[in-house]
Amino acid sequence: MKTTQLATSEEFENSIRNGVSLIDFNAPWCGPCRAQEPIITQLLEDFSGRATIAEMNVDENQETAVKLGIQSIPTIAVFKDGAEVERFVGLQTAKTLVKAIEDHLGLA
C-alpha cells in the first residue's frame, strides 16, 4: 500500500480538514525522507479508516511548505480538524508517530 501523495495545496487542505491527519513533508532527494517512508507506509495500513496518512513533496509544493514554516525535511505534522497539533523534524520512529496519532484520536 502506497501513501497518498498530496500534489496541491487544495489536496492538502482537504486532507487535514476533518479528523486526525499525519502529513510527511519530504523530497525525493532526501535520504532521511526515504528512510522514513516504510514507517509512513506502515502507519497508513495501521490507521486505515481512522486517520489520514499522506506525503507532500516540498519541492513541488513550496508555497504550502513556506506557509507552514517548514525549513527542514523530513518534517511530519499532525493535524486535528484542520489545526496543526504536533510537529516532528527529522527521522522519527514508528513508536513516536503511533503515539502521536493515538493521542490525538483519543486512544492513549
C-alpha atoms as a PDB file:
ATOM      1  CA  MET A   1       0.000   0.000   0.000  1.00  0.00           C
ATOM      2  CA  LYS A   2       1.445   3.354  -1.043  1.00  0.00           C
ATOM      3  CA  THR A   3       0.796   6.558   0.872  1.00  0.00           C
ATOM      4  CA  THR A   4      -1.275   9.292  -0.688  1.00  0.00           C
ATOM      5  CA  GLN A   5       0.811  11.943  -2.424  1.00  0.00           C
ATOM      6  CA  LEU A   6      -0.709  15.383  -1.937  1.00  0.00           C
ATOM      7  CA  ALA A   7       0.046  17.213  -5.179  1.00  0.00           C
ATOM      8  CA  THR A   8      -1.607  20.571  -4.494  1.00  0.00           C
ATOM      9  CA  SER A   9      -2.344  22.924  -1.617  1.00  0.00           C
ATOM     10  CA  GLU A  10      -6.040  22.223  -2.207  1.00  0.00           C
ATOM     11  CA  GLU A  11      -5.496  18.470  -1.716  1.00  0.00           C
ATOM     12  CA  PHE A  12      -3.516  19.267   1.437  1.00  0.00           C
ATOM     13  CA  GLU A  13      -6.292  21.476   2.860  1.00  0.00           C
ATOM     14  CA  ASN A  14      -8.921  18.821   2.081  1.00  0.00           C
ATOM     15  CA  SER A  15      -6.856  16.064   3.715  1.00  0.00           C
ATOM     16  CA  ILE A  16      -6.458  17.886   7.044  1.00  0.00           C
ATOM     17  CA  ARG A  17      -9.952  19.397   7.262  1.00  0.00           C
ATOM     18  CA  ASN A  18     -11.625  16.652   9.349  1.00  0.00           C
ATOM     19  CA  GLY A  19     -10.306  14.220  11.929  1.00  0.00           C
ATOM     20  CA  VAL A  20      -6.663  13.389  12.583  1.00  0.00           C
ATOM     21  CA  SER A  21      -4.119  13.622   9.772  1.00  0.00           C
ATOM     22  CA  LEU A  22      -0.399  12.915   9.699  1.00  0.00           C
ATOM     23  CA  ILE A  23       1.423  14.566   6.798  1.00  0.00           C
ATOM     24  CA  ASP A  24       5.040  13.734   5.941  1.00  0.00           C
ATOM     25  CA  PHE A  25       6.691  16.696   4.190  1.00  0.00           C
ATOM     26  CA  ASN A  26       9.641  15.401   2.190  1.00  0.00           C
ATOM     27  CA  ALA A  27      11.577  15.405  -1.107  1.00  0.00           C
ATOM     28  CA  PRO A  28      12.784  12.568  -3.348  1.00  0.00           C
ATOM     29  CA  TRP A  29      16.477  13.540  -2.973  1.00  0.00           C
ATOM     30  CA  CYS A  30      16.362  13.491   0.868  1.00  0.00           C
ATOM     31  CA  GLY A  31      17.986  10.360   2.375  1.00  0.00           C
ATOM     32  CA  PRO A  32      16.279  10.583   5.789  1.00  0.00           C
ATOM     33  CA  CYS A  33      12.947  11.128   3.995  1.00  0.00           C
ATOM     34  CA  ARG A  34      13.411   7.866   2.095  1.00  0.00           C
ATOM     35  CA  ALA A  35      14.312   6.114   5.359  1.00  0.00           C
ATOM     36  CA  GLN A  36      11.066   7.449   6.878  1.00  0.00           C
ATOM     37  CA  GLU A  37       8.939   6.119   4.005  1.00  0.00           C
ATOM     38  CA  PRO A  38       8.460   2.492   5.223  1.00  0.00           C
ATOM     39  CA  ILE A  39       7.282   3.778   8.614  1.00  0.00           C
ATOM     40  CA  ILE A  40       4.778   6.136   6.975  1.00  0.00           C
ATOM     41  CA  THR A  41       3.542   3.273   4.774  1.00  0.00           C
ATOM     42  CA  GLN A  42       3.040   1.079   7.860  1.00  0.00           C
ATOM     43  CA  LEU A  43       1.085   3.877   9.577  1.00  0.00           C
ATOM     44  CA  LEU A  44      -1.175   4.065   6.536  1.00  0.00           C
ATOM     45  CA  GLU A  45      -2.041   0.392   6.991  1.00  0.00           C
ATOM     46  CA  ASP A  46      -2.308   0.569  10.802  1.00  0.00           C
ATOM     47  CA  PHE A  47      -4.613   3.606  10.850  1.00  0.00           C
ATOM     48  CA  SER A  48      -6.648   2.932   7.708  1.00  0.00           C
ATOM     49  CA  GLY A  49     -10.143   4.355   8.163  1.00  0.00           C
ATOM     50  CA  ARG A  50      -9.194   6.114  11.419  1.00  0.00           C
ATOM     51  CA  ALA A  51      -6.653   8.752  10.376  1.00  0.00           C
ATOM     52  CA  THR A  52      -5.370  10.283   7.150  1.00  0.00           C
ATOM     53  CA  ILE A  53      -1.723   9.471   6.407  1.00  0.00           C
ATOM     54  CA  ALA A  54      -0.175  11.292   3.445  1.00  0.00           C
ATOM     55  CA  GLU A  55       3.012  12.739   1.997  1.00  0.00           C
ATOM     56  CA  MET A  56       3.784  16.069   0.362  1.00  0.00           C
ATOM     57  CA  ASN A  57       6.836  16.833  -1.777  1.00  0.00           C
ATOM     58  CA  VAL A  58       8.107  20.230  -0.604  1.00  0.00           C
ATOM     59  CA  ASP A  59       9.957  20.864  -3.894  1.00  0.00           C
ATOM     60  CA  GLU A  60       6.669  20.652  -5.793  1.00  0.00           C
ATOM     61  CA  ASN A  61       4.677  22.484  -3.089  1.00  0.00           C
ATOM     62  CA  GLN A  62       6.940  25.283  -1.930  1.00  0.00           C
ATOM     63  CA  GLU A  63       4.019  27.616  -1.222  1.00  0.00           C
ATOM     64  CA  THR A  64       2.491  25.174   1.298  1.00  0.00           C
ATOM     65  CA  ALA A  65       5.900  24.490   2.875  1.00  0.00           C
ATOM     66  CA  VAL A  66       6.593  28.207   3.305  1.00  0.00           C
ATOM     67  CA  LYS A  67       3.094  28.852   4.672  1.00  0.00           C
ATOM     68  CA  LEU A  68       3.673  26.165   7.322  1.00  0.00           C
ATOM     69  CA  GLY A  69       7.217  27.327   8.110  1.00  0.00           C
ATOM     70  CA  ILE A  70       8.842  24.039   7.107  1.00  0.00           C
ATOM     71  CA  GLN A  71      12.588  24.610   6.958  1.00  0.00           C
ATOM     72  CA  SER A  72      13.989  21.073   7.339  1.00  0.00           C
ATOM     73  CA  ILE A  73      12.868  17.730   5.980  1.00  0.00           C
ATOM     74  CA  PRO A  74      11.560  15.324   6.802  1.00  0.00           C
ATOM     75  CA  THR A  75       9.004  17.292   8.800  1.00  0.00           C
ATOM     76  CA  ILE A  76       5.989  15.349   9.985  1.00  0.00           C
ATOM     77  CA  ALA A  77       2.985  17.327  11.142  1.00  0.00           C
ATOM     78  CA  VAL A  78      -0.110  16.042  12.888  1.00  0.00           C
ATOM     79  CA  PHE A  79      -3.350  17.940  12.310  1.00  0.00           C
ATOM     80  CA  LYS A  80      -6.695  17.637  14.048  1.00  0.00           C
ATOM     81  CA  ASP A  81      -9.756  19.144  12.379  1.00  0.00           C
ATOM     82  CA  GLY A  82      -7.601  21.464  10.287  1.00  0.00           C
ATOM     83  CA  ALA A  83      -5.269  22.734  13.020  1.00  0.00           C
ATOM     84  CA  GLU A  84      -1.675  21.631  13.498  1.00  0.00           C
ATOM     85  CA  VAL A  85      -1.375  19.971  16.908  1.00  0.00           C
ATOM     86  CA  GLU A  86       2.091  18.406  16.793  1.00  0.00           C
ATOM     87  CA  ARG A  87       5.263  18.583  14.675  1.00  0.00           C
ATOM     88  CA  PHE A  88       8.350  16.409  14.361  1.00  0.00           C
ATOM     89  CA  VAL A  89      11.520  17.360  12.482  1.00  0.00           C
ATOM     90  CA  GLY A  90      13.941  14.686  11.303  1.00  0.00           C
ATOM     91  CA  LEU A  91      13.669  10.920  11.116  1.00  0.00           C
ATOM     92  CA  GLN A  92      11.089   9.573  13.604  1.00  0.00           C
ATOM     93  CA  THR A  93      10.442   6.099  14.983  1.00  0.00           C
ATOM     94  CA  ALA A  94       7.181   4.284  14.376  1.00  0.00           C
ATOM     95  CA  LYS A  95       6.575   4.275  18.137  1.00  0.00           C
ATOM     96  CA  THR A  96       6.767   8.085  18.325  1.00  0.00           C
ATOM     97  CA  LEU A  97       4.386   8.593  15.416  1.00  0.00           C
ATOM     98  CA  VAL A  98       1.901   5.914  16.559  1.00  0.00           C
ATOM     99  CA  LYS A  99       1.749   7.574  19.996  1.00  0.00           C
ATOM    100  CA  ALA A 100       1.111  10.999  18.418  1.00  0.00           C
ATOM    101  CA  ILE A 101      -1.727   9.688  16.256  1.00  0.00           C
ATOM    102  CA  GLU A 102      -3.289   7.691  19.095  1.00  0.00           C
ATOM    103  CA  ASP A 103      -3.061  10.689  21.454  1.00  0.00           C
ATOM    104  CA  HIS A 104      -5.000  12.860  19.031  1.00  0.00           C
ATOM    105  CA  LEU A 105      -7.503  10.132  18.191  1.00  0.00           C
ATOM    106  CA  GLY A 106      -8.140   9.847  21.941  1.00  0.00           C
ATOM    107  CA  LEU A 107      -6.870   6.260  22.083  1.00  0.00           C
ATOM    108  CA  ALA A 108      -3.993   6.836  24.518  1.00  0.00           C
END
